[in-house]
């Protein structure tokens, strides 16, 4: 089953004004961005960003992949 890219969420890393923790992760909900955490290094912020994205995919009800009638027809034409 090909992934259709239906997972929709937005996170971003922003440079914070705090010198002790210069990186901030923000999550977009509806139309506004909300702070999801602050970090002292870019690597730790990126690591947390990947973890948040993984948890978002695992949330119940999230569509990760979809098998449509078009996919079925392609499989039939390929002989699967």
Protein backbone atom coordinates (compact mmCIF):
# COMPACT_ATOMS: atom_id res chain seq x y z
CA UNK A 1 0.00 0.00 0.00
CA UNK A 2 1.55 3.30 -1.01
CA UNK A 3 1.62 6.09 1.52
CA UNK A 4 -0.64 8.92 0.47
CA UNK A 5 0.80 11.60 2.75
CA UNK A 6 -2.45 12.10 4.67
CA UNK A 7 -0.73 12.79 7.98
CA UNK A 8 -1.20 16.50 8.58
CA UNK A 9 0.60 18.26 11.39
CA UNK A 10 3.04 21.15 11.58
CA UNK A 11 5.96 21.71 13.88
CA UNK A 12 8.78 24.19 13.54
CA UNK A 13 11.98 25.16 15.30
CA UNK A 14 12.34 28.87 16.01
CA UNK A 15 15.30 30.82 17.42
CA UNK A 16 14.24 31.92 20.91
CA UNK A 17 15.24 35.18 22.61
CA UNK A 18 16.57 33.30 25.67
CA UNK A 19 20.37 32.80 25.50
CA UNK A 20 20.33 29.77 27.82
CA UNK A 21 17.76 27.96 25.67
CA UNK A 22 17.98 29.52 22.20
CA UNK A 23 15.73 27.05 20.33
CA UNK A 24 11.96 26.73 20.66
CA UNK A 25 9.65 24.13 19.11
CA UNK A 26 6.22 25.37 18.12
CA UNK A 27 3.18 23.41 17.02
CA UNK A 28 0.50 24.80 14.75
CA UNK A 29 -3.04 24.21 15.91
CA UNK A 30 -5.78 25.56 13.69
CA UNK A 31 -4.33 29.01 12.77
CA UNK A 32 -2.02 29.84 15.72
CA UNK A 33 1.41 28.56 16.73
CA UNK A 34 1.90 27.35 20.33
CA UNK A 35 5.13 26.67 22.21
CA UNK A 36 5.86 22.95 22.61
CA UNK A 37 9.27 23.23 24.29
CA UNK A 38 12.56 25.11 24.58
CA UNK A 39 16.04 23.61 24.13
CA UNK A 40 19.68 24.52 24.60
CA UNK A 41 20.95 22.93 21.37
CA UNK A 42 19.64 22.56 17.85
CA UNK A 43 20.33 18.81 17.93
CA UNK A 44 18.14 18.29 20.99
CA UNK A 45 15.37 20.40 19.44
CA UNK A 46 15.50 18.34 16.23
CA UNK A 47 15.48 15.11 18.24
CA UNK A 48 12.38 16.29 20.14
CA UNK A 49 10.76 17.39 16.88
CA UNK A 50 11.15 13.90 15.44
CA UNK A 51 9.76 12.37 18.65
CA UNK A 52 6.72 14.68 18.59
CA UNK A 53 6.08 13.79 14.95
CA UNK A 54 6.32 10.07 15.74
CA UNK A 55 3.85 10.44 18.62
CA UNK A 56 1.51 12.41 16.37
CA UNK A 57 1.46 9.58 13.83
CA UNK A 58 0.71 7.03 16.55
CA UNK A 59 -2.33 8.96 17.81
CA UNK A 60 -5.53 6.92 17.37
CA UNK A 61 -7.51 7.90 14.31
CA UNK A 62 -4.57 9.27 12.31
CA UNK A 63 -4.58 8.10 8.69
CA UNK A 64 -1.09 6.90 7.80
CA UNK A 65 -1.83 5.01 4.61
CA UNK A 66 -4.84 4.54 2.40
CA UNK A 67 -5.74 1.84 -0.13
CA UNK A 68 -8.16 3.18 -2.73
CA UNK A 69 -10.06 1.72 -5.66
CA UNK A 70 -7.40 3.19 -7.96
CA UNK A 71 -4.68 1.28 -6.04
CA UNK A 72 -6.77 -1.88 -6.38
CA UNK A 73 -7.02 -1.42 -10.16
CA UNK A 74 -3.27 -0.83 -10.45
CA UNK A 75 -2.62 -4.04 -8.49
CA UNK A 76 -5.01 -5.97 -10.75
CA UNK A 77 -3.25 -4.67 -13.86
CA UNK A 78 0.11 -5.70 -12.40
CA UNK A 79 -1.28 -9.18 -11.73
CA UNK A 80 -1.23 -9.00 -7.92
